[in-house]
Protein backbone atom coordinates (compact mmCIF):
# COMPACT_ATOMS: atom_id res chain seq x y z
CA MET A 1 106.09 83.39 122.82
CA ARG A 2 106.13 82.33 119.19
CA THR A 3 109.20 80.69 117.76
CA ALA A 4 110.73 80.63 114.31
CA THR A 5 109.10 77.27 113.63
CA ASP A 6 105.61 78.67 114.38
CA ILE A 7 105.72 81.28 111.60
CA ASP A 8 105.14 80.41 107.93
CA MET A 9 107.77 82.39 106.08
CA ARG A 10 107.01 80.84 102.65
CA PRO A 11 105.05 83.88 101.35
CA PHE A 12 108.18 86.00 101.78
CA ALA A 13 109.99 83.92 99.14
CA ALA A 14 108.23 86.26 96.67
CA LEU A 15 110.72 88.95 97.74
CA LEU A 16 113.88 86.90 97.19
CA GLY A 17 116.45 88.35 94.81
CA ALA A 18 117.43 91.80 93.65
CA TRP A 19 115.10 94.70 92.95
CA THR A 20 115.60 98.22 91.72
CA ILE A 21 113.56 100.77 93.61
CA SER A 22 112.39 104.25 92.84
CA GLY A 23 110.49 106.49 95.13
CA THR A 24 109.34 109.94 96.03
CA HIS A 25 109.29 111.30 99.56
CA ARG A 26 107.06 114.11 100.81
CA LEU A 27 110.13 116.07 101.99
CA LEU A 28 111.83 115.67 98.57
CA PRO A 29 108.84 116.03 96.22
CA ASP A 30 110.87 116.73 93.07
CA VAL A 31 113.39 113.92 93.61
CA ASP A 32 112.99 110.38 92.29
CA ALA A 33 115.61 108.60 94.36
CA PRO A 34 116.69 105.34 92.69
CA GLY A 35 118.16 102.48 94.63
CA ARG A 36 118.53 98.75 94.96
CA VAL A 37 117.17 96.18 97.41
CA THR A 38 118.25 92.58 97.83
CA TYR A 39 116.42 89.95 99.85
CA GLU A 40 117.90 86.63 100.92
CA TRP A 41 117.21 83.97 103.51
CA LEU A 42 119.33 83.65 106.59
CA GLU A 43 120.41 80.02 106.62
CA GLY A 44 117.46 77.89 107.70
CA GLU A 45 114.92 80.10 105.86
CA ARG A 46 113.31 81.35 109.07
CA PHE A 47 114.49 84.95 108.71
CA LEU A 48 114.55 87.12 105.60
CA LEU A 49 117.37 89.68 105.30
CA GLY A 50 116.88 92.83 103.24
CA ARG A 51 119.57 95.35 102.30
CA THR A 52 118.65 98.67 100.73
CA ARG A 53 120.95 101.25 99.15
CA VAL A 54 119.53 104.50 97.78
CA ASP A 55 121.44 106.87 95.50
CA HIS A 56 120.63 110.04 97.40
CA PRO A 57 122.60 111.58 100.30
CA ASP A 58 119.46 112.43 102.30
CA ILE A 59 118.02 108.91 102.23
CA PRO A 60 119.64 106.34 104.54
CA ASP A 61 120.76 102.86 103.57
CA SER A 62 119.09 100.15 105.62
CA LEU A 63 119.01 96.55 106.75
CA THR A 64 115.84 94.64 107.62
CA VAL A 65 115.34 91.30 109.31
CA THR A 66 111.87 89.79 108.89
CA GLY A 67 110.77 86.84 110.98
CA PRO A 68 109.15 85.80 114.24
CA THR A 69 108.91 88.20 117.16
CA ASP A 70 107.36 87.81 120.61
CA ASP A 71 104.09 89.12 119.14
CA GLY A 72 103.97 87.30 115.80
CA LEU A 73 105.66 88.22 112.56
CA GLY A 74 107.75 91.38 112.39
CA THR A 75 110.37 93.33 110.52
CA ARG A 76 113.24 94.86 112.41
CA TYR A 77 114.61 97.91 110.59
CA PHE A 78 118.07 99.43 111.06
CA ASP A 79 119.51 102.31 109.04
CA SER A 80 122.73 104.24 108.50
CA ARG A 81 121.50 107.07 110.77
CA GLY A 82 121.39 104.68 113.72
CA VAL A 83 117.57 104.43 113.64
CA GLN A 84 115.98 101.12 114.58
CA ARG A 85 112.30 100.19 114.53
CA LEU A 86 110.07 97.13 114.80
CA TYR A 87 107.09 96.73 112.46
CA ALA A 88 104.31 94.14 112.55
CA THR A 89 104.49 92.50 109.12
CA ASP A 90 102.37 90.37 106.83
CA LEU A 91 102.52 89.17 103.24
CA ARG A 92 99.55 87.31 101.79
CA ASP A 93 97.50 87.22 98.61
CA GLY A 94 99.92 89.57 96.86
CA THR A 95 99.70 92.27 99.52
CA TRP A 96 102.61 93.17 101.78
CA THR A 97 101.93 95.25 104.90
CA MET A 98 103.92 96.68 107.80
CA HIS A 99 102.84 98.94 110.62
CA ARG A 100 103.95 100.30 113.96
CA ALA A 101 102.33 102.38 116.65
CA ALA A 102 104.71 104.73 118.44
CA PRO A 103 103.78 107.84 120.40
CA GLY A 104 103.78 110.76 117.98
CA PHE A 105 105.07 108.68 115.04
CA HIS A 106 102.80 105.91 113.77
CA GLN A 107 103.69 104.36 110.42
CA ARG A 108 102.04 101.98 107.96
CA PHE A 109 103.08 100.47 104.65
CA ARG A 110 100.96 98.72 102.05
CA ALA A 111 102.23 97.33 98.75
CA THR A 112 100.88 95.03 96.09
CA PHE A 113 102.59 92.69 93.67
CA ASP A 114 101.63 92.75 90.01
CA ALA A 115 100.29 89.52 88.48
CA THR A 116 103.78 88.39 87.39
CA HIS A 117 105.46 89.24 90.73
CA GLN A 118 107.97 91.38 88.83
CA THR A 119 106.78 94.75 90.19
CA ILE A 120 105.68 95.85 93.65
CA THR A 121 103.92 99.19 94.10
CA GLY A 122 103.52 100.61 97.58
CA ALA A 123 103.38 103.57 99.90
CA TRP A 124 104.24 104.54 103.46
CA ASP A 125 101.92 106.75 105.52
CA LEU A 126 102.58 108.42 108.84
CA SER A 127 100.44 109.73 111.64
CA PRO A 128 101.02 111.66 114.85
CA ASP A 129 98.10 109.93 116.59
CA GLY A 130 97.19 106.76 114.66
CA VAL A 131 93.95 108.39 113.49
CA ARG A 132 94.83 111.04 110.88
CA TRP A 133 97.22 109.66 108.24
CA ASP A 134 99.38 111.51 105.72
CA HIS A 135 101.23 110.14 102.71
CA ASP A 136 104.97 109.91 103.36
CA LEU A 137 106.73 107.88 100.67
CA ALA A 138 105.77 106.15 97.41
CA LEU A 139 107.89 103.18 96.29
CA THR A 140 108.09 101.00 93.21
CA TYR A 141 110.15 97.81 93.21
CA ARG A 142 111.14 96.15 89.90
CA ARG A 143 112.73 92.73 89.90
CA VAL A 144 116.25 92.57 88.41
CA GLY A 145 116.95 89.80 85.91
């Protein structure tokens, strides 16, 4: 089992602070749902906490905890609907990825930082079988301040 001291969390410092987000979801194609995300270290800088609020009643608010898991580096996701998920996570060379394989509901996320690290552009895809993927959600993060 890996421990918090085995995982290099330094790349995730790029996420620290407040971001505005905007996005479009396949089920709400005509809605650009704005929101806000903040990232901060849990004391000790071994876990990164993320809190997301979106200004749309059909999109849940969420909390993420990124850090070591039994299998490496992961992000635990919890939302206001009571949903919880675990994603394998990585952030290197300006690319942030997450993915999970779950029967009937595979997900993957890929986002890239701009050269100034002030904007992140990404997308979520989903798949019923891990083979055929469909676009699910486009997101843009813009650093506040």
